[in-house]
């Protein structure tokens, strides 16, 4: 089970840090991704990090503003979100991929967290 936390209501330009951890097992050997789903829209890829953290990738919409990282000793993955915009408003999900390098495709992920809501007001 993955658990995402750290969401909330913020103003445009603010920052938030999301966390993803597990209540069972370990995520240290999984590629980990963050996805989001805005109201009325499909779920979309946000960021991915390989299991060794030597590879990260971001969607164009968040590149330069968001940073994904992980602490395998704590079995935790983070998403630092800076300069938030109203269009970043969504439920954010963390997920564990069966591929150690991770993927930008949701179908490559086997385990999903319950999501945490981020609301950015203008």
N, C-alpha and C. Protein backbone atom coordinates (compact mmCIF):
# COMPACT_ATOMS: atom_id res chain seq x y z
N UNK A 1 0.83 -1.18 0.00
CA UNK A 1 0.00 0.00 0.00
C UNK A 1 0.87 1.25 0.00
N UNK A 2 0.64 2.14 -0.94
CA UNK A 2 1.33 3.41 -0.99
C UNK A 2 0.46 4.49 -0.38
N UNK A 3 1.10 5.43 0.29
CA UNK A 3 0.37 6.51 0.93
C UNK A 3 1.00 7.83 0.54
N UNK A 4 0.23 8.66 -0.13
CA UNK A 4 0.67 9.99 -0.52
C UNK A 4 0.13 11.00 0.47
N UNK A 5 0.93 11.99 0.78
CA UNK A 5 0.51 13.03 1.71
C UNK A 5 1.19 14.34 1.35
N UNK A 6 0.73 15.42 1.99
CA UNK A 6 1.37 16.71 1.82
C UNK A 6 0.58 17.70 0.98
N UNK A 7 -0.55 17.26 0.45
CA UNK A 7 -1.36 18.17 -0.34
C UNK A 7 -2.02 19.23 0.52
N UNK A 8 -2.62 20.22 -0.14
CA UNK A 8 -3.31 21.26 0.59
C UNK A 8 -3.73 22.39 -0.32
N UNK A 9 -4.21 23.45 0.29
CA UNK A 9 -4.65 24.64 -0.43
C UNK A 9 -3.57 25.71 -0.31
N UNK A 10 -3.07 26.15 -1.44
CA UNK A 10 -2.03 27.17 -1.45
C UNK A 10 -2.37 28.23 -2.49
N UNK A 11 -1.61 29.30 -2.46
CA UNK A 11 -1.78 30.36 -3.45
C UNK A 11 -0.76 30.19 -4.57
N UNK A 12 -1.08 30.77 -5.70
CA UNK A 12 -0.16 30.73 -6.83
C UNK A 12 1.20 31.29 -6.41
N UNK A 13 2.26 30.59 -6.82
CA UNK A 13 3.61 31.00 -6.46
C UNK A 13 4.16 30.31 -5.22
N UNK A 14 3.29 29.67 -4.47
CA UNK A 14 3.72 28.96 -3.26
C UNK A 14 4.37 27.63 -3.60
N UNK A 15 4.86 26.97 -2.57
CA UNK A 15 5.50 25.67 -2.73
C UNK A 15 4.83 24.64 -1.82
N UNK A 16 4.92 23.40 -2.23
CA UNK A 16 4.46 22.27 -1.43
C UNK A 16 5.42 21.11 -1.66
N UNK A 17 5.53 20.24 -0.67
CA UNK A 17 6.28 19.02 -0.85
C UNK A 17 5.38 17.82 -0.55
N UNK A 18 5.20 17.00 -1.53
CA UNK A 18 4.43 15.78 -1.36
C UNK A 18 5.36 14.65 -0.97
N UNK A 19 4.83 13.73 -0.18
CA UNK A 19 5.58 12.55 0.23
C UNK A 19 4.79 11.31 -0.13
N UNK A 20 5.52 10.25 -0.40
CA UNK A 20 4.89 8.96 -0.69
C UNK A 20 5.67 7.90 0.05
N UNK A 21 4.98 7.13 0.85
CA UNK A 21 5.63 6.07 1.57
C UNK A 21 4.77 4.82 1.50
N UNK A 22 5.27 3.74 2.09
CA UNK A 22 4.54 2.50 2.06
C UNK A 22 4.32 1.97 3.46
N UNK A 23 3.18 1.34 3.64
CA UNK A 23 2.86 0.76 4.95
C UNK A 23 3.22 -0.72 5.00
N UNK A 24 3.65 -1.26 3.87
CA UNK A 24 4.01 -2.67 3.82
C UNK A 24 5.08 -2.86 2.76
N UNK A 25 6.10 -3.62 3.07
CA UNK A 25 7.14 -3.89 2.10
C UNK A 25 8.07 -2.71 1.93
N UNK A 26 8.68 -2.64 0.76
CA UNK A 26 9.63 -1.58 0.47
C UNK A 26 9.44 -1.09 -0.95
N UNK A 27 9.74 0.18 -1.16
CA UNK A 27 9.68 0.74 -2.50
C UNK A 27 11.08 1.01 -3.03
N UNK A 28 12.09 0.61 -2.28
CA UNK A 28 13.46 0.98 -2.60
C UNK A 28 13.96 0.39 -3.91
N UNK A 29 13.34 -0.67 -4.40
CA UNK A 29 13.81 -1.28 -5.64
C UNK A 29 12.90 -0.97 -6.83
N UNK A 30 11.93 -0.09 -6.61
CA UNK A 30 10.98 0.25 -7.67
C UNK A 30 11.28 1.61 -8.27
N UNK A 31 11.08 1.71 -9.58
CA UNK A 31 10.99 3.03 -10.17
C UNK A 31 9.71 3.66 -9.66
N UNK A 32 9.76 4.93 -9.29
CA UNK A 32 8.60 5.57 -8.67
C UNK A 32 8.17 6.77 -9.49
N UNK A 33 6.87 6.93 -9.62
CA UNK A 33 6.36 8.04 -10.39
C UNK A 33 5.29 8.82 -9.65
N UNK A 34 5.10 10.03 -10.08
CA UNK A 34 3.99 10.87 -9.63
C UNK A 34 3.12 11.17 -10.85
N UNK A 35 1.84 11.04 -10.66
CA UNK A 35 0.86 11.38 -11.67
C UNK A 35 -0.16 12.31 -11.03
N UNK A 36 -0.95 12.97 -11.85
CA UNK A 36 -2.00 13.83 -11.30
C UNK A 36 -3.23 13.76 -12.19
N UNK A 37 -4.36 14.05 -11.58
CA UNK A 37 -5.61 14.08 -12.31
C UNK A 37 -6.42 15.28 -11.88
N UNK A 38 -6.62 16.17 -12.80
CA UNK A 38 -7.43 17.36 -12.54
C UNK A 38 -8.90 17.03 -12.78
N UNK A 39 -9.79 17.80 -12.19
CA UNK A 39 -11.24 17.56 -12.39
C UNK A 39 -11.61 17.55 -13.86
N UNK A 40 -12.27 16.49 -14.29
CA UNK A 40 -12.73 16.41 -15.66
C UNK A 40 -11.67 16.06 -16.68
N UNK A 41 -10.48 15.75 -16.20
CA UNK A 41 -9.39 15.43 -17.12
C UNK A 41 -8.84 14.05 -16.83
N UNK A 42 -8.08 13.52 -17.78
CA UNK A 42 -7.46 12.23 -17.59
C UNK A 42 -6.22 12.37 -16.71
N UNK A 43 -5.84 11.25 -16.11
CA UNK A 43 -4.63 11.24 -15.31
C UNK A 43 -3.43 11.46 -16.21
N UNK A 44 -2.48 12.26 -15.73
CA UNK A 44 -1.31 12.56 -16.54
C UNK A 44 -0.03 12.38 -15.74
N UNK A 45 1.01 12.07 -16.46
CA UNK A 45 2.33 11.88 -15.89
C UNK A 45 2.89 13.22 -15.41
N UNK A 46 3.56 13.18 -14.26
CA UNK A 46 4.21 14.38 -13.72
C UNK A 46 5.72 14.20 -13.66
N UNK A 47 6.17 13.14 -12.97
CA UNK A 47 7.60 12.94 -12.77
C UNK A 47 7.88 11.48 -12.45
N UNK A 48 9.11 11.06 -12.73
CA UNK A 48 9.52 9.70 -12.43
C UNK A 48 10.97 9.71 -11.97
N UNK A 49 11.30 8.75 -11.10
CA UNK A 49 12.67 8.60 -10.61
C UNK A 49 13.01 7.11 -10.59
N UNK A 50 14.21 6.78 -11.04
CA UNK A 50 14.64 5.39 -11.03
C UNK A 50 14.92 4.93 -9.61
N UNK A 51 15.10 3.63 -9.44
CA UNK A 51 15.25 3.12 -8.08
C UNK A 51 16.55 3.57 -7.45
N UNK A 52 17.57 3.83 -8.25
CA UNK A 52 18.83 4.33 -7.71
C UNK A 52 18.92 5.85 -7.71
N UNK A 53 17.85 6.49 -8.20
CA UNK A 53 17.78 7.96 -8.26
C UNK A 53 18.77 8.56 -9.25
N UNK A 54 19.32 7.74 -10.15
CA UNK A 54 20.26 8.29 -11.12
C UNK A 54 19.56 8.82 -12.37
N UNK A 55 18.26 8.59 -12.43
CA UNK A 55 17.51 9.04 -13.60
C UNK A 55 16.19 9.63 -13.14
N UNK A 56 15.92 10.85 -13.60
CA UNK A 56 14.63 11.49 -13.36
C UNK A 56 14.11 12.05 -14.68
N UNK A 57 12.82 12.20 -14.74
CA UNK A 57 12.20 12.77 -15.93
C UNK A 57 10.93 13.50 -15.51
N UNK A 58 10.58 14.55 -16.26
CA UNK A 58 9.44 15.37 -15.91
C UNK A 58 8.59 15.67 -17.13
N UNK A 59 7.32 15.94 -16.88
CA UNK A 59 6.49 16.43 -17.96
C UNK A 59 6.90 17.87 -18.26
N UNK A 60 6.64 18.28 -19.47
CA UNK A 60 7.02 19.64 -19.87
C UNK A 60 6.32 20.70 -19.02
N UNK A 61 5.13 20.38 -18.55
CA UNK A 61 4.35 21.37 -17.80
C UNK A 61 4.92 21.68 -16.42
N UNK A 62 5.76 20.78 -15.88
CA UNK A 62 6.30 21.00 -14.54
C UNK A 62 7.81 21.12 -14.53
N UNK A 63 8.44 20.87 -15.66
CA UNK A 63 9.89 20.90 -15.73
C UNK A 63 10.42 22.27 -15.29
N UNK A 64 11.40 22.25 -14.41
CA UNK A 64 11.97 23.48 -13.90
C UNK A 64 11.29 24.01 -12.65
N UNK A 65 10.13 23.46 -12.33
CA UNK A 65 9.40 23.90 -11.13
C UNK A 65 9.29 22.78 -10.10
N UNK A 66 9.17 21.57 -10.55
CA UNK A 66 9.01 20.42 -9.66
C UNK A 66 10.31 19.61 -9.62
N UNK A 67 10.54 18.94 -8.51
CA UNK A 67 11.70 18.07 -8.37
C UNK A 67 11.30 16.80 -7.63
N UNK A 68 11.62 15.67 -8.22
CA UNK A 68 11.33 14.39 -7.58
C UNK A 68 12.62 13.87 -6.95
N UNK A 69 12.50 13.28 -5.79
CA UNK A 69 13.65 12.71 -5.10
C UNK A 69 13.19 11.52 -4.27
N UNK A 70 14.14 10.80 -3.72
CA UNK A 70 13.77 9.65 -2.90
C UNK A 70 14.81 9.41 -1.83
N UNK A 71 14.34 8.80 -0.76
CA UNK A 71 15.20 8.37 0.33
C UNK A 71 14.88 6.90 0.55
N UNK A 72 15.68 6.04 -0.04
CA UNK A 72 15.39 4.61 0.06
C UNK A 72 15.51 4.08 1.48
N UNK A 73 16.34 4.71 2.29
CA UNK A 73 16.46 4.30 3.68
C UNK A 73 15.17 4.53 4.45
N UNK A 74 14.41 5.51 4.02
CA UNK A 74 13.12 5.82 4.66
C UNK A 74 11.94 5.30 3.84
N UNK A 75 12.25 4.64 2.69
CA UNK A 75 11.17 4.16 1.83
C UNK A 75 10.20 5.28 1.47
N UNK A 76 10.76 6.42 1.11
CA UNK A 76 9.93 7.59 0.84
C UNK A 76 10.37 8.25 -0.45
N UNK A 77 9.39 8.68 -1.22
CA UNK A 77 9.62 9.45 -2.43
C UNK A 77 8.97 10.81 -2.25
N UNK A 78 9.62 11.84 -2.73
CA UNK A 78 9.14 13.20 -2.55
C UNK A 78 8.87 13.86 -3.91
N UNK A 79 7.98 14.82 -3.87
CA UNK A 79 7.78 15.69 -5.02
C UNK A 79 7.75 17.12 -4.49
N UNK A 80 8.84 17.83 -4.71
CA UNK A 80 8.92 19.23 -4.33
C UNK A 80 8.31 20.06 -5.45
N UNK A 81 7.30 20.82 -5.12
CA UNK A 81 6.59 21.62 -6.12
C UNK A 81 6.75 23.09 -5.79
N UNK A 82 7.40 23.81 -6.67
CA UNK A 82 7.65 25.23 -6.48
C UNK A 82 6.90 26.04 -7.53
N UNK A 83 6.70 27.31 -7.23
CA UNK A 83 6.04 28.22 -8.17
C UNK A 83 4.74 27.59 -8.69
N UNK A 84 3.92 27.16 -7.77
CA UNK A 84 2.68 26.48 -8.15
C UNK A 84 1.74 27.42 -8.90
N UNK A 85 1.02 26.85 -9.84
CA UNK A 85 0.08 27.60 -10.67
C UNK A 85 -1.32 27.00 -10.51
N UNK A 86 -2.35 27.77 -10.77
CA UNK A 86 -3.72 27.22 -10.66
C UNK A 86 -3.89 25.96 -11.51
N UNK A 87 -3.23 25.86 -12.63
CA UNK A 87 -3.36 24.68 -13.49
C UNK A 87 -2.68 23.45 -12.90
N UNK A 88 -1.97 23.60 -11.79
CA UNK A 88 -1.41 22.44 -11.09
C UNK A 88 -2.42 21.80 -10.16
N UNK A 89 -3.58 22.41 -10.01
CA UNK A 89 -4.62 21.87 -9.15
C UNK A 89 -5.05 20.49 -9.65
N UNK A 90 -4.95 19.50 -8.76
CA UNK A 90 -5.26 18.12 -9.13
C UNK A 90 -5.09 17.23 -7.91
N UNK A 91 -5.56 16.01 -8.05
CA UNK A 91 -5.20 14.97 -7.10
C UNK A 91 -3.91 14.34 -7.59
N UNK A 92 -2.93 14.28 -6.71
CA UNK A 92 -1.62 13.76 -7.07
C UNK A 92 -1.49 12.34 -6.51
N UNK A 93 -1.04 11.45 -7.38
CA UNK A 93 -0.87 10.05 -7.03
C UNK A 93 0.59 9.63 -7.17
N UNK A 94 1.07 8.85 -6.20
CA UNK A 94 2.36 8.22 -6.38
C UNK A 94 2.12 6.77 -6.80
N UNK A 95 3.09 6.23 -7.49
CA UNK A 95 2.94 4.87 -8.00
C UNK A 95 4.30 4.20 -8.11
N UNK A 96 4.28 2.87 -7.98
CA UNK A 96 5.50 2.07 -8.07
C UNK A 96 5.46 1.26 -9.37
N UNK A 97 6.53 1.36 -10.13
CA UNK A 97 6.59 0.71 -11.43
C UNK A 97 7.29 -0.64 -11.35
N UNK A 98 6.87 -1.55 -12.20
CA UNK A 98 7.56 -2.83 -12.26
C UNK A 98 8.92 -2.69 -12.94
N UNK A 99 9.16 -1.53 -13.52
CA UNK A 99 10.46 -1.26 -14.15
C UNK A 99 11.30 -0.41 -13.19
N UNK A 100 12.52 -0.83 -12.93
CA UNK A 100 13.36 -0.14 -11.95
C UNK A 100 13.71 1.28 -12.39
N UNK A 101 13.67 1.54 -13.71
CA UNK A 101 13.95 2.89 -14.18
C UNK A 101 12.69 3.75 -14.17
N UNK A 102 11.56 3.12 -13.95
CA UNK A 102 10.31 3.87 -13.97
C UNK A 102 9.82 4.08 -15.38
N UNK A 103 8.76 4.81 -15.52
CA UNK A 103 8.14 5.03 -16.82
C UNK A 103 7.21 6.24 -16.75
N UNK A 104 6.93 6.81 -17.89
CA UNK A 104 5.97 7.92 -17.94
C UNK A 104 4.56 7.42 -18.27
N UNK A 105 4.42 6.11 -18.43
CA UNK A 105 3.13 5.52 -18.79
C UNK A 105 2.48 4.86 -17.60
N UNK A 106 1.26 5.24 -17.32
CA UNK A 106 0.59 4.74 -16.12
C UNK A 106 0.41 3.23 -16.15
N UNK A 107 0.29 2.64 -17.32
CA UNK A 107 0.08 1.20 -17.38
C UNK A 107 1.32 0.40 -16.97
N UNK A 108 2.47 1.08 -16.82
CA UNK A 108 3.69 0.41 -16.36
C UNK A 108 3.80 0.38 -14.84
N UNK A 109 2.79 0.87 -14.18
CA UNK A 109 2.83 0.94 -12.72
C UNK A 109 1.87 -0.08 -12.11
N UNK A 110 2.40 -0.79 -11.11
CA UNK A 110 1.63 -1.88 -10.50
C UNK A 110 0.93 -1.47 -9.22
N UNK A 111 1.47 -0.49 -8.52
CA UNK A 111 0.93 -0.10 -7.22
C UNK A 111 0.69 1.40 -7.21
N UNK A 112 -0.45 1.78 -6.64
CA UNK A 112 -0.85 3.18 -6.62
C UNK A 112 -1.25 3.59 -5.21
N UNK A 113 -0.93 4.82 -4.87
CA UNK A 113 -1.40 5.39 -3.62
C UNK A 113 -2.80 5.94 -3.79
N UNK A 114 -3.36 6.44 -2.69
CA UNK A 114 -4.74 6.89 -2.70
C UNK A 114 -4.91 8.31 -3.22
N UNK A 115 -3.83 9.04 -3.36
CA UNK A 115 -3.90 10.39 -3.89
C UNK A 115 -3.98 11.44 -2.79
N UNK A 116 -3.42 12.60 -3.09
CA UNK A 116 -3.50 13.74 -2.17
C UNK A 116 -3.86 14.97 -3.00
N UNK A 117 -4.79 15.75 -2.51
CA UNK A 117 -5.34 16.87 -3.28
C UNK A 117 -4.48 18.12 -3.11
N UNK A 118 -4.12 18.70 -4.23
CA UNK A 118 -3.42 19.98 -4.26
C UNK A 118 -4.32 20.99 -4.95
N UNK A 119 -4.61 22.07 -4.26
CA UNK A 119 -5.44 23.12 -4.82
C UNK A 119 -4.66 24.43 -4.80
N UNK A 120 -4.52 25.03 -5.96
CA UNK A 120 -3.76 26.27 -6.08
C UNK A 120 -4.71 27.38 -6.49
N UNK A 121 -4.85 28.37 -5.63
CA UNK A 121 -5.73 29.49 -5.93
C UNK A 121 -4.95 30.61 -6.59
N UNK A 122 -5.65 31.36 -7.40
CA UNK A 122 -4.98 32.45 -8.14
C UNK A 122 -5.01 33.75 -7.36
